[in-house]
Amino acid sequence: MINEAVEALPESIRKKLDNVDIVLEEGESPNNSLFGLYHGVSQLDRGSSYGIGPTLPDKITVWKGTIEKYAGGESNLPGLVRRVVWHEIGHHFGFDESQIRRLEEKWEKEHKI
């Protein structure tokens, strides 16, 4: 479902993903309420020295257990996973929470998620 969520992004966005790994954690998030979390240096905040020498990839963690707990059924899983992945990719591009929330409203209308 994570791969499907990434593939559902417009190609123009997929091409701009840079130095980021998406990792599925089987259990629940540490506080049992996070579905995903972005760790890294957003593309907006990368300076001219970014990537000179070895640079670890940014990391998006997706917690399977938390998502399953709150999904309300298997039929809701793909849409929730897509929303989580897209949300965290938004942080990778440098969007803050309020900007992402506005984008999510737009995504919900366009993609019926």
PDB file of N, CA and C in Angstrom:
ATOM      1  N   MET A   1       0.814  -1.202   0.000  1.00  0.00           N
ATOM      2  CA  MET A   1       0.000   0.000   0.000  1.00  0.00           C
ATOM      3  C   MET A   1       0.860   1.270   0.000  1.00  0.00           C
ATOM      4  N   ILE A   2       2.021   1.181   0.656  1.00  0.00           N
ATOM      5  CA  ILE A   2       2.925   2.337   0.652  1.00  0.00           C
ATOM      6  C   ILE A   2       3.411   2.599  -0.771  1.00  0.00           C
ATOM      7  N   ASN A   3       3.825   1.549  -1.447  1.00  0.00           N
ATOM      8  CA  ASN A   3       4.273   1.709  -2.840  1.00  0.00           C
ATOM      9  C   ASN A   3       3.153   2.259  -3.711  1.00  0.00           C
ATOM     10  N   GLU A   4       1.940   1.775  -3.517  1.00  0.00           N
ATOM     11  CA  GLU A   4       0.794   2.269  -4.285  1.00  0.00           C
ATOM     12  C   GLU A   4       0.541   3.739  -4.000  1.00  0.00           C
ATOM     13  N   ALA A   5       0.718   4.146  -2.743  1.00  0.00           N
ATOM     14  CA  ALA A   5       0.522   5.559  -2.386  1.00  0.00           C
ATOM     15  C   ALA A   5       1.536   6.440  -3.101  1.00  0.00           C
ATOM     16  N   VAL A   6       2.793   5.991  -3.152  1.00  0.00           N
ATOM     17  CA  VAL A   6       3.818   6.763  -3.850  1.00  0.00           C
ATOM     18  C   VAL A   6       3.521   6.798  -5.342  1.00  0.00           C
ATOM     19  N   GLU A   7       3.135   5.653  -5.897  1.00  0.00           N
ATOM     20  CA  GLU A   7       2.830   5.592  -7.332  1.00  0.00           C
ATOM     21  C   GLU A   7       1.613   6.444  -7.696  1.00  0.00           C
ATOM     22  N   ALA A   8       0.715   6.682  -6.751  1.00  0.00           N
ATOM     23  CA  ALA A   8      -0.475   7.489  -7.013  1.00  0.00           C
ATOM     24  C   ALA A   8      -0.169   8.990  -7.066  1.00  0.00           C
ATOM     25  N   LEU A   9       1.013   9.373  -6.607  1.00  0.00           N
ATOM     26  CA  LEU A   9       1.412  10.772  -6.698  1.00  0.00           C
ATOM     27  C   LEU A   9       1.641  11.142  -8.160  1.00  0.00           C
ATOM     28  N   PRO A  10       1.409  12.384  -8.510  1.00  0.00           N
ATOM     29  CA  PRO A  10       1.745  12.800  -9.878  1.00  0.00           C
ATOM     30  C   PRO A  10       3.234  12.560 -10.153  1.00  0.00           C
ATOM     31  N   GLU A  11       3.537  12.202 -11.385  1.00  0.00           N
ATOM     32  CA  GLU A  11       4.927  11.915 -11.761  1.00  0.00           C
ATOM     33  C   GLU A  11       5.845  13.098 -11.460  1.00  0.00           C
ATOM     34  N   SER A  12       5.337  14.304 -11.628  1.00  0.00           N
ATOM     35  CA  SER A  12       6.158  15.494 -11.374  1.00  0.00           C
ATOM     36  C   SER A  12       6.607  15.557  -9.913  1.00  0.00           C
ATOM     37  N   ILE A  13       5.801  15.045  -9.000  1.00  0.00           N
ATOM     38  CA  ILE A  13       6.165  15.016  -7.581  1.00  0.00           C
ATOM     39  C   ILE A  13       7.097  13.834  -7.317  1.00  0.00           C
ATOM     40  N   ARG A  14       6.773  12.666  -7.868  1.00  0.00           N
ATOM     41  CA  ARG A  14       7.628  11.486  -7.658  1.00  0.00           C
ATOM     42  C   ARG A  14       9.057  11.758  -8.114  1.00  0.00           C
ATOM     43  N   LYS A  15       9.220  12.463  -9.224  1.00  0.00           N
ATOM     44  CA  LYS A  15      10.556  12.759  -9.742  1.00  0.00           C
ATOM     45  C   LYS A  15      11.357  13.640  -8.789  1.00  0.00           C
ATOM     46  N   LYS A  16      10.678  14.411  -7.964  1.00  0.00           N
ATOM     47  CA  LYS A  16      11.359  15.340  -7.064  1.00  0.00           C
ATOM     48  C   LYS A  16      11.674  14.734  -5.699  1.00  0.00           C
ATOM     49  N   LEU A  17      11.184  13.537  -5.425  1.00  0.00           N
ATOM     50  CA  LEU A  17      11.558  12.873  -4.176  1.00  0.00           C
ATOM     51  C   LEU A  17      13.057  12.641  -4.207  1.00  0.00           C
ATOM     52  N   ASP A  18      13.743  13.045  -3.153  1.00  0.00           N
ATOM     53  CA  ASP A  18      15.194  12.976  -3.170  1.00  0.00           C
ATOM     54  C   ASP A  18      15.735  12.547  -1.815  1.00  0.00           C
ATOM     55  N   ASN A  19      16.481  11.447  -1.830  1.00  0.00           N
ATOM     56  CA  ASN A  19      17.195  10.976  -0.648  1.00  0.00           C
ATOM     57  C   ASN A  19      16.252  10.772   0.533  1.00  0.00           C
ATOM     58  N   VAL A  20      15.181  10.015   0.296  1.00  0.00           N
ATOM     59  CA  VAL A  20      14.215   9.710   1.355  1.00  0.00           C
ATOM     60  C   VAL A  20      13.816   8.243   1.266  1.00  0.00           C
ATOM     61  N   ASP A  21      13.802   7.582   2.420  1.00  0.00           N
ATOM     62  CA  ASP A  21      13.350   6.196   2.522  1.00  0.00           C
ATOM     63  C   ASP A  21      12.049   6.158   3.307  1.00  0.00           C
ATOM     64  N   ILE A  22      11.157   5.274   2.895  1.00  0.00           N
ATOM     65  CA  ILE A  22       9.910   5.069   3.637  1.00  0.00           C
ATOM     66  C   ILE A  22       9.998   3.699   4.277  1.00  0.00           C
ATOM     67  N   VAL A  23       9.843   3.669   5.606  1.00  0.00           N
ATOM     68  CA  VAL A  23      10.032   2.460   6.380  1.00  0.00           C
ATOM     69  C   VAL A  23       8.722   2.085   7.074  1.00  0.00           C
ATOM     70  N   LEU A  24       8.336   0.830   6.948  1.00  0.00           N
ATOM     71  CA  LEU A  24       7.142   0.327   7.623  1.00  0.00           C
ATOM     72  C   LEU A  24       7.552  -0.306   8.943  1.00  0.00           C
ATOM     73  N   GLU A  25       6.990   0.179  10.038  1.00  0.00           N
ATOM     74  CA  GLU A  25       7.187  -0.410  11.361  1.00  0.00           C
ATOM     75  C   GLU A  25       5.943  -1.232  11.679  1.00  0.00           C
ATOM     76  N   GLU A  26       6.129  -2.465  12.056  1.00  0.00           N
ATOM     77  CA  GLU A  26       5.006  -3.384  12.281  1.00  0.00           C
ATOM     78  C   GLU A  26       4.112  -2.973  13.441  1.00  0.00           C
ATOM     79  N   GLY A  27       4.674  -2.467  14.510  1.00  0.00           N
ATOM     80  CA  GLY A  27       3.893  -2.170  15.710  1.00  0.00           C
ATOM     81  C   GLY A  27       3.213  -0.818  15.659  1.00  0.00           C
ATOM     82  N   GLU A  28       2.862  -0.352  16.853  1.00  0.00           N
ATOM     83  CA  GLU A  28       2.228   0.960  16.983  1.00  0.00           C
ATOM     84  C   GLU A  28       3.278   2.021  17.262  1.00  0.00           C
ATOM     85  N   SER A  29       2.936   3.261  16.960  1.00  0.00           N
ATOM     86  CA  SER A  29       3.848   4.374  17.220  1.00  0.00           C
ATOM     87  C   SER A  29       4.076   4.508  18.724  1.00  0.00           C
ATOM     88  N   PRO A  30       5.157   5.159  19.108  1.00  0.00           N
ATOM     89  CA  PRO A  30       5.495   5.261  20.538  1.00  0.00           C
ATOM     90  C   PRO A  30       4.371   5.817  21.413  1.00  0.00           C
ATOM     91  N   ASN A  31       3.601   6.767  20.899  1.00  0.00           N
ATOM     92  CA  ASN A  31       2.510   7.324  21.706  1.00  0.00           C
ATOM     93  C   ASN A  31       1.143   6.815  21.258  1.00  0.00           C
ATOM     94  N   ASN A  32       1.136   5.821  20.369  1.00  0.00           N
ATOM     95  CA  ASN A  32      -0.088   5.186  19.867  1.00  0.00           C
ATOM     96  C   ASN A  32      -1.037   6.129  19.132  1.00  0.00           C
ATOM     97  N   SER A  33      -0.549   7.290  18.711  1.00  0.00           N
ATOM     98  CA  SER A  33      -1.440   8.184  17.964  1.00  0.00           C
ATOM     99  C   SER A  33      -0.818   8.695  16.665  1.00  0.00           C
ATOM    100  N   LEU A  34       0.466   8.482  16.461  1.00  0.00           N
ATOM    101  CA  LEU A  34       1.090   8.890  15.206  1.00  0.00           C
ATOM    102  C   LEU A  34       0.948   7.781  14.182  1.00  0.00           C
ATOM    103  N   PHE A  35       0.513   8.135  12.996  1.00  0.00           N
ATOM    104  CA  PHE A  35       0.440   7.161  11.906  1.00  0.00           C
ATOM    105  C   PHE A  35       1.755   7.138  11.143  1.00  0.00           C
ATOM    106  N   GLY A  36       2.395   8.293  11.045  1.00  0.00           N
ATOM    107  CA  GLY A  36       3.655   8.408  10.335  1.00  0.00           C
ATOM    108  C   GLY A  36       4.469   9.550  10.905  1.00  0.00           C
ATOM    109  N   LEU A  37       5.771   9.554  10.571  1.00  0.00           N
ATOM    110  CA  LEU A  37       6.647  10.613  11.061  1.00  0.00           C
ATOM    111  C   LEU A  37       7.784  10.818  10.068  1.00  0.00           C
ATOM    112  N   TYR A  38       8.070  12.070   9.773  1.00  0.00           N
ATOM    113  CA  TYR A  38       9.168  12.438   8.886  1.00  0.00           C
ATOM    114  C   TYR A  38      10.361  12.863   9.728  1.00  0.00           C
ATOM    115  N   HIS A  39      11.521  12.288   9.433  1.00  0.00           N
ATOM    116  CA  HIS A  39      12.785  12.672  10.066  1.00  0.00           C
ATOM    117  C   HIS A  39      13.737  13.071   8.946  1.00  0.00           C
ATOM    118  N   GLY A  40      14.287  14.260   9.018  1.00  0.00           N
ATOM    119  CA  GLY A  40      15.263  14.626   8.014  1.00  0.00           C
ATOM    120  C   GLY A  40      15.352  16.118   7.801  1.00  0.00           C
ATOM    121  N   VAL A  41      16.004  16.470   6.726  1.00  0.00           N
ATOM    122  CA  VAL A  41      16.153  17.860   6.322  1.00  0.00           C
ATOM    123  C   VAL A  41      15.278  18.050   5.089  1.00  0.00           C
ATOM    124  N   SER A  42      14.222  18.837   5.250  1.00  0.00           N
ATOM    125  CA  SER A  42      13.302  19.019   4.126  1.00  0.00           C
ATOM    126  C   SER A  42      14.034  19.632   2.939  1.00  0.00           C
ATOM    127  N   GLN A  43      13.495  19.409   1.770  1.00  0.00           N
ATOM    128  CA  GLN A  43      14.120  19.971   0.572  1.00  0.00           C
ATOM    129  C   GLN A  43      14.191  21.491   0.640  1.00  0.00           C
ATOM    130  N   LEU A  44      13.222  22.090   1.304  1.00  0.00           N
ATOM    131  CA  LEU A  44      13.199  23.543   1.445  1.00  0.00           C
ATOM    132  C   LEU A  44      14.375  24.040   2.281  1.00  0.00           C
ATOM    133  N   ASP A  45      14.810  23.222   3.254  1.00  0.00           N
ATOM    134  CA  ASP A  45      15.861  23.636   4.187  1.00  0.00           C
ATOM    135  C   ASP A  45      17.256  23.158   3.808  1.00  0.00           C
ATOM    136  N   ARG A  46      17.393  22.458   2.703  1.00  0.00           N
ATOM    137  CA  ARG A  46      18.703  21.964   2.289  1.00  0.00           C
ATOM    138  C   ARG A  46      19.512  23.107   1.686  1.00  0.00           C
ATOM    139  N   GLY A  47      20.682  23.292   2.204  1.00  0.00           N
ATOM    140  CA  GLY A  47      21.560  24.340   1.685  1.00  0.00           C
ATOM    141  C   GLY A  47      22.437  23.821   0.564  1.00  0.00           C
ATOM    142  N   SER A  48      23.302  24.676   0.098  1.00  0.00           N
ATOM    143  CA  SER A  48      24.174  24.315  -1.023  1.00  0.00           C
ATOM    144  C   SER A  48      25.171  23.226  -0.650  1.00  0.00           C
ATOM    145  N   SER A  49      25.445  23.040   0.640  1.00  0.00           N
ATOM    146  CA  SER A  49      26.397  22.009   1.049  1.00  0.00           C
ATOM    147  C   SER A  49      25.729  20.654   1.285  1.00  0.00           C
ATOM    148  N   TYR A  50      24.393  20.606   1.170  1.00  0.00           N
ATOM    149  CA  TYR A  50      23.687  19.342   1.375  1.00  0.00           C
ATOM    150  C   TYR A  50      24.131  18.339   0.316  1.00  0.00           C
ATOM    151  N   GLY A  51      24.451  17.129   0.746  1.00  0.00           N
ATOM    152  CA  GLY A  51      24.801  16.064  -0.183  1.00  0.00           C
ATOM    153  C   GLY A  51      26.264  16.026  -0.557  1.00  0.00           C
ATOM    154  N   ILE A  52      27.045  16.984  -0.047  1.00  0.00           N
ATOM    155  CA  ILE A  52      28.489  16.911  -0.280  1.00  0.00           C
ATOM    156  C   ILE A  52      29.019  15.901   0.725  1.00  0.00           C
ATOM    157  N   GLY A  53      29.530  14.834   0.207  1.00  0.00           N
ATOM    158  CA  GLY A  53      29.947  13.740   1.071  1.00  0.00           C
ATOM    159  C   GLY A  53      28.764  12.854   1.389  1.00  0.00           C
ATOM    160  N   PRO A  54      28.990  11.830   2.200  1.00  0.00           N
ATOM    161  CA  PRO A  54      27.902  10.887   2.530  1.00  0.00           C
ATOM    162  C   PRO A  54      26.779  11.586   3.301  1.00  0.00           C
ATOM    163  N   THR A  55      25.570  11.419   2.826  1.00  0.00           N
ATOM    164  CA  THR A  55      24.404  12.000   3.488  1.00  0.00           C
ATOM    165  C   THR A  55      23.370  10.903   3.684  1.00  0.00           C
ATOM    166  N   LEU A  56      23.044  10.622   4.929  1.00  0.00           N
ATOM    167  CA  LEU A  56      22.017   9.621   5.188  1.00  0.00           C
ATOM    168  C   LEU A  56      20.688  10.091   4.619  1.00  0.00           C
ATOM    169  N   PRO A  57      19.873   9.165   4.139  1.00  0.00           N
ATOM    170  CA  PRO A  57      18.571   9.580   3.609  1.00  0.00           C
ATOM    171  C   PRO A  57      17.635  10.042   4.714  1.00  0.00           C
ATOM    172  N   ASP A  58      16.727  10.930   4.340  1.00  0.00           N
ATOM    173  CA  ASP A  58      15.626  11.261   5.232  1.00  0.00           C
ATOM    174  C   ASP A  58      14.824   9.984   5.429  1.00  0.00           C
ATOM    175  N   LYS A  59      14.023   9.960   6.475  1.00  0.00           N
ATOM    176  CA  LYS A  59      13.262   8.746   6.778  1.00  0.00           C
ATOM    177  C   LYS A  59      11.811   9.105   7.076  1.00  0.00           C
ATOM    178  N   ILE A  60      10.918   8.397   6.411  1.00  0.00           N
ATOM    179  CA  ILE A  60       9.500   8.471   6.746  1.00  0.00           C
ATOM    180  C   ILE A  60       9.145   7.133   7.369  1.00  0.00           C
ATOM    181  N   THR A  61       8.676   7.170   8.603  1.00  0.00           N
ATOM    182  CA  THR A  61       8.250   5.964   9.305  1.00  0.00           C
ATOM    183  C   THR A  61       6.732   5.893   9.242  1.00  0.00           C
ATOM    184  N   VAL A  62       6.219   4.733   8.868  1.00  0.00           N
ATOM    185  CA  VAL A  62       4.776   4.476   8.845  1.00  0.00           C
ATOM    186  C   VAL A  62       4.515   3.330   9.818  1.00  0.00           C
ATOM    187  N   TRP A  63       3.636   3.561  10.797  1.00  0.00           N
ATOM    188  CA  TRP A  63       3.346   2.552  11.809  1.00  0.00           C
ATOM    189  C   TRP A  63       2.103   1.749  11.443  1.00  0.00           C
ATOM    190  N   LYS A  64       2.333   0.530  11.038  1.00  0.00           N
ATOM    191  CA  LYS A  64       1.265  -0.366  10.602  1.00  0.00           C
ATOM    192  C   LYS A  64       0.234  -0.592  11.712  1.00  0.00           C
ATOM    193  N   GLY A  65       0.695  -0.876  12.908  1.00  0.00           N
ATOM    194  CA  GLY A  65      -0.219  -1.183  14.015  1.00  0.00           C
ATOM    195  C   GLY A  65      -1.153  -0.034  14.344  1.00  0.00           C
ATOM    196  N   THR A  66      -0.618   1.178  14.368  1.00  0.00           N
ATOM    197  CA  THR A  66      -1.455   2.339  14.680  1.00  0.00           C
ATOM    198  C   THR A  66      -2.475   2.583  13.575  1.00  0.00           C
ATOM    199  N   ILE A  67      -2.037   2.453  12.333  1.00  0.00           N
ATOM    200  CA  ILE A  67      -2.959   2.651  11.214  1.00  0.00           C
ATOM    201  C   ILE A  67      -4.068   1.608  11.254  1.00  0.00           C
ATOM    202  N   GLU A  68      -3.714   0.352  11.467  1.00  0.00           N
ATOM    203  CA  GLU A  68      -4.739  -0.699  11.531  1.00  0.00           C
ATOM    204  C   GLU A  68      -5.700  -0.468  12.681  1.00  0.00           C
ATOM    205  N   LYS A  69      -5.194   0.007  13.796  1.00  0.00           N
ATOM    206  CA  LYS A  69      -6.020   0.253  14.983  1.00  0.00           C
ATOM    207  C   LYS A  69      -7.091   1.313  14.720  1.00  0.00           C
ATOM    208  N   TYR A  70      -6.734   2.341  13.964  1.00  0.00           N
ATOM    209  CA  TYR A  70      -7.647   3.466  13.747  1.00  0.00           C
ATOM    210  C   TYR A  70      -8.376   3.440  12.407  1.00  0.00           C
ATOM    211  N   ALA A  71      -8.049   2.502  11.535  1.00  0.00           N
ATOM    212  CA  ALA A  71      -8.618   2.499  10.181  1.00  0.00           C
ATOM    213  C   ALA A  71     -10.116   2.228  10.160  1.00  0.00           C
ATOM    214  N   GLY A  72     -10.602   1.440  11.099  1.00  0.00           N
ATOM    215  CA  GLY A  72     -12.030   1.128  11.098  1.00  0.00           C
ATOM    216  C   GLY A  72     -12.401   0.064  10.080  1.00  0.00           C
ATOM    217  N   GLY A  73     -11.457  -0.755   9.692  1.00  0.00           N
ATOM    218  CA  GLY A  73     -11.736  -1.838   8.751  1.00  0.00           C
ATOM    219  C   GLY A  73     -10.741  -1.868   7.608  1.00  0.00           C
ATOM    220  N   GLU A  74     -10.584  -3.050   7.036  1.00  0.00           N
ATOM    221  CA  GLU A  74      -9.607  -3.239   5.959  1.00  0.00           C
ATOM    222  C   GLU A  74      -9.882  -2.371   4.744  1.00  0.00           C
ATOM    223  N   SER A  75     -11.136  -2.119   4.455  1.00  0.00           N
ATOM    224  CA  SER A  75     -11.464  -1.330   3.259  1.00  0.00           C
ATOM    225  C   SER A  75     -10.964   0.107   3.376  1.00  0.00           C
ATOM    226  N   ASN A  76     -10.733   0.582   4.600  1.00  0.00           N
ATOM    227  CA  ASN A  76     -10.258   1.950   4.809  1.00  0.00           C
ATOM    228  C   ASN A  76      -8.735   2.066   4.788  1.00  0.00           C
ATOM    229  N   LEU A  77      -8.036   0.923   4.837  1.00  0.00           N
ATOM    230  CA  LEU A  77      -6.577   0.948   4.934  1.00  0.00           C
ATOM    231  C   LEU A  77      -5.890   1.643   3.757  1.00  0.00           C
ATOM    232  N   PRO A  78      -6.205   1.309   2.511  1.00  0.00           N
ATOM    233  CA  PRO A  78      -5.477   1.956   1.410  1.00  0.00           C
ATOM    234  C   PRO A  78      -5.572   3.487   1.424  1.00  0.00           C
ATOM    235  N   GLY A  79      -6.746   4.016   1.672  1.00  0.00           N
ATOM    236  CA  GLY A  79      -6.914   5.468   1.705  1.00  0.00           C
ATOM    237  C   GLY A  79      -6.169   6.107   2.861  1.00  0.00           C
ATOM    238  N   LEU A  80      -6.177   5.455   4.019  1.00  0.00           N
ATOM    239  CA  LEU A  80      -5.474   6.001   5.179  1.00  0.00           C
ATOM    240  C   LEU A  80      -3.966   5.940   4.965  1.00  0.00           C
ATOM    241  N   VAL A  81      -3.470   4.830   4.433  1.00  0.00           N
ATOM    242  CA  VAL A  81      -2.036   4.718   4.149  1.00  0.00           C
ATOM    243  C   VAL A  81      -1.618   5.792   3.146  1.00  0.00           C
ATOM    244  N   ARG A  82      -2.411   5.977   2.111  1.00  0.00           N
ATOM    245  CA  ARG A  82      -2.098   7.012   1.116  1.00  0.00           C
ATOM    246  C   ARG A  82      -2.023   8.382   1.780  1.00  0.00           C
ATOM    247  N   ARG A  83      -2.980   8.674   2.608  1.00  0.00           N
ATOM    248  CA  ARG A  83      -2.995   9.981   3.269  1.00  0.00           C
ATOM    249  C   ARG A  83      -1.760  10.168   4.151  1.00  0.00           C
ATOM    250  N   VAL A  84      -1.393   9.132   4.900  1.00  0.00           N
ATOM    251  CA  VAL A  84      -0.222   9.211   5.780  1.00  0.00           C
ATOM    252  C   VAL A  84       1.046   9.415   4.961  1.00  0.00           C
ATOM    253  N   VAL A  85       1.217   8.617   3.918  1.00  0.00           N
ATOM    254  CA  VAL A  85       2.417   8.721   3.089  1.00  0.00           C
ATOM    255  C   VAL A  85       2.482  10.101   2.438  1.00  0.00           C
ATOM    256  N   TRP A  86       1.393  10.556   1.860  1.00  0.00           N
ATOM    257  CA  TRP A  86       1.376  11.867   1.221  1.00  0.00           C
ATOM    258  C   TRP A  86       1.660  12.978   2.235  1.00  0.00           C
ATOM    259  N   HIS A  87       1.097  12.852   3.433  1.00  0.00           N
ATOM    260  CA  HIS A  87       1.308  13.847   4.487  1.00  0.00           C
ATOM    261  C   HIS A  87       2.800  13.969   4.797  1.00  0.00           C
ATOM    262  N   GLU A  88       3.444  12.832   5.023  1.00  0.00           N
ATOM    263  CA  GLU A  88       4.855  12.848   5.397  1.00  0.00           C
ATOM    264  C   GLU A  88       5.734  13.290   4.220  1.00  0.00           C
ATOM    265  N   ILE A  89       5.365  12.955   3.007  1.00  0.00           N
ATOM    266  CA  ILE A  89       6.101  13.449   1.841  1.00  0.00           C
ATOM    267  C   ILE A  89       5.970  14.968   1.761  1.00  0.00           C
ATOM    268  N   GLY A  90       4.833  15.492   2.154  1.00  0.00           N
ATOM    269  CA  GLY A  90       4.676  16.946   2.218  1.00  0.00           C
ATOM    270  C   GLY A  90       5.721  17.586   3.120  1.00  0.00           C
ATOM    271  N   HIS A  91       5.995  16.951   4.274  1.00  0.00           N
ATOM    272  CA  HIS A  91       7.048  17.458   5.164  1.00  0.00           C
ATOM    273  C   HIS A  91       8.419  17.357   4.489  1.00  0.00           C
ATOM    274  N   HIS A  92       8.651  16.293   3.729  1.00  0.00           N
ATOM    275  CA  HIS A  92       9.911  16.132   2.994  1.00  0.00           C
ATOM    276  C   HIS A  92      10.141  17.316   2.044  1.00  0.00           C
ATOM    277  N   PHE A  93       9.056  17.835   1.479  1.00  0.00           N
ATOM    278  CA  PHE A  93       9.172  18.981   0.572  1.00  0.00           C
ATOM    279  C   PHE A  93       9.195  20.319   1.305  1.00  0.00           C
ATOM    280  N   GLY A  94       9.004  20.301   2.628  1.00  0.00           N
ATOM    281  CA  GLY A  94       9.122  21.527   3.405  1.00  0.00           C
ATOM    282  C   GLY A  94       7.824  22.165   3.832  1.00  0.00           C
ATOM    283  N   PHE A  95       6.692  21.509   3.588  1.00  0.00           N
ATOM    284  CA  PHE A  95       5.410  22.059   4.013  1.00  0.00           C
ATOM    285  C   PHE A  95       5.234  21.873   5.517  1.00  0.00           C
ATOM    286  N   ASP A  96       4.660  22.887   6.184  1.00  0.00           N
ATOM    287  CA  ASP A  96       4.363  22.743   7.609  1.00  0.00           C
ATOM    288  C   ASP A  96       2.973  22.136   7.777  1.00  0.00           C
ATOM    289  N   GLU A  97       2.583  21.887   9.021  1.00  0.00           N
ATOM    290  CA  GLU A  97       1.309  21.204   9.301  1.00  0.00           C
ATOM    291  C   GLU A  97       0.112  21.913   8.692  1.00  0.00           C
ATOM    292  N   SER A  98       0.035  23.227   8.847  1.00  0.00           N
ATOM    293  CA  SER A  98      -1.148  23.943   8.329  1.00  0.00           C
ATOM    294  C   SER A  98      -1.191  23.879   6.800  1.00  0.00           C
ATOM    295  N   GLN A  99      -0.055  23.967   6.159  1.00  0.00           N
ATOM    296  CA  GLN A  99      -0.021  23.867   4.697  1.00  0.00           C
ATOM    297  C   GLN A  99      -0.438  22.468   4.249  1.00  0.00           C
ATOM    298  N   ILE A 100       0.032  21.464   4.962  1.00  0.00           N
ATOM    299  CA  ILE A 100      -0.325  20.090   4.606  1.00  0.00           C
ATOM    300  C   ILE A 100      -1.809  19.846   4.832  1.00  0.00           C
ATOM    301  N   ARG A 101      -2.357  20.375   5.902  1.00  0.00           N
ATOM    302  CA  ARG A 101      -3.800  20.204   6.159  1.00  0.00           C
ATOM    303  C   ARG A 101      -4.614  20.789   5.011  1.00  0.00           C
ATOM    304  N   ARG A 102      -4.204  21.940   4.504  1.00  0.00           N
ATOM    305  CA  ARG A 102      -4.915  22.535   3.370  1.00  0.00           C
ATOM    306  C   ARG A 102      -4.779  21.652   2.130  1.00  0.00           C
ATOM    307  N   LEU A 103      -3.584  21.109   1.904  1.00  0.00           N
ATOM    308  CA  LEU A 103      -3.387  20.195   0.778  1.00  0.00           C
ATOM    309  C   LEU A 103      -4.235  18.930   0.942  1.00  0.00           C
ATOM    310  N   GLU A 104      -4.327  18.432   2.168  1.00  0.00           N
ATOM    311  CA  GLU A 104      -5.125  17.230   2.407  1.00  0.00           C
ATOM    312  C   GLU A 104      -6.595  17.456   2.066  1.00  0.00           C
ATOM    313  N   GLU A 105      -7.100  18.624   2.397  1.00  0.00           N
ATOM    314  CA  GLU A 105      -8.481  18.933   2.032  1.00  0.00           C
ATOM    315  C   GLU A 105      -8.652  18.890   0.516  1.00  0.00           C
ATOM    316  N   LYS A 106      -7.669  19.435  -0.195  1.00  0.00           N
ATOM    317  CA  LYS A 106      -7.705  19.402  -1.654  1.00  0.00           C
ATOM    318  C   LYS A 106      -7.615  17.963  -2.161  1.00  0.00           C
ATOM    319  N   TRP A 107      -6.684  17.159  -1.592  1.00  0.00           N
ATOM    320  CA  TRP A 107      -6.512  15.753  -1.997  1.00  0.00           C
ATOM    321  C   TRP A 107      -7.797  14.965  -1.764  1.00  0.00           C
ATOM    322  N   GLU A 108      -8.453  15.225  -0.621  1.00  0.00           N
ATOM    323  CA  GLU A 108      -9.683  14.503  -0.314  1.00  0.00           C
ATOM    324  C   GLU A 108     -10.746  14.751  -1.377  1.00  0.00           C
ATOM    325  N   LYS A 109     -10.846  15.986  -1.808  1.00  0.00           N
ATOM    326  CA  LYS A 109     -11.836  16.309  -2.834  1.00  0.00           C
ATOM    327  C   LYS A 109     -11.476  15.684  -4.177  1.00  0.00           C
ATOM    328  N   GLU A 110     -10.204  15.776  -4.556  1.00  0.00           N
ATOM    329  CA  GLU A 110      -9.763  15.285  -5.861  1.00  0.00           C
ATOM    330  C   GLU A 110      -9.705  13.766  -5.944  1.00  0.00           C
ATOM    331  N   HIS A 111      -9.310  13.126  -4.836  1.00  0.00           N
ATOM    332  CA  HIS A 111      -9.069  11.684  -4.865  1.00  0.00           C
ATOM    333  C   HIS A 111     -10.066  10.882  -4.028  1.00  0.00           C
ATOM    334  N   LYS A 112     -11.016  11.612  -3.438  1.00  0.00           N
ATOM    335  CA  LYS A 112     -12.066  10.965  -2.639  1.00  0.00           C
ATOM    336  C   LYS A 112     -11.484  10.035  -1.578  1.00  0.00           C
ATOM    337  N   ILE A 113     -10.521  10.588  -0.799  1.00  0.00           N
ATOM    338  CA  ILE A 113      -9.932   9.815   0.300  1.00  0.00           C
ATOM    339  C   ILE A 113     -10.393  10.379   1.617  1.00  0.00           C
TER     340      ILE A 113
END
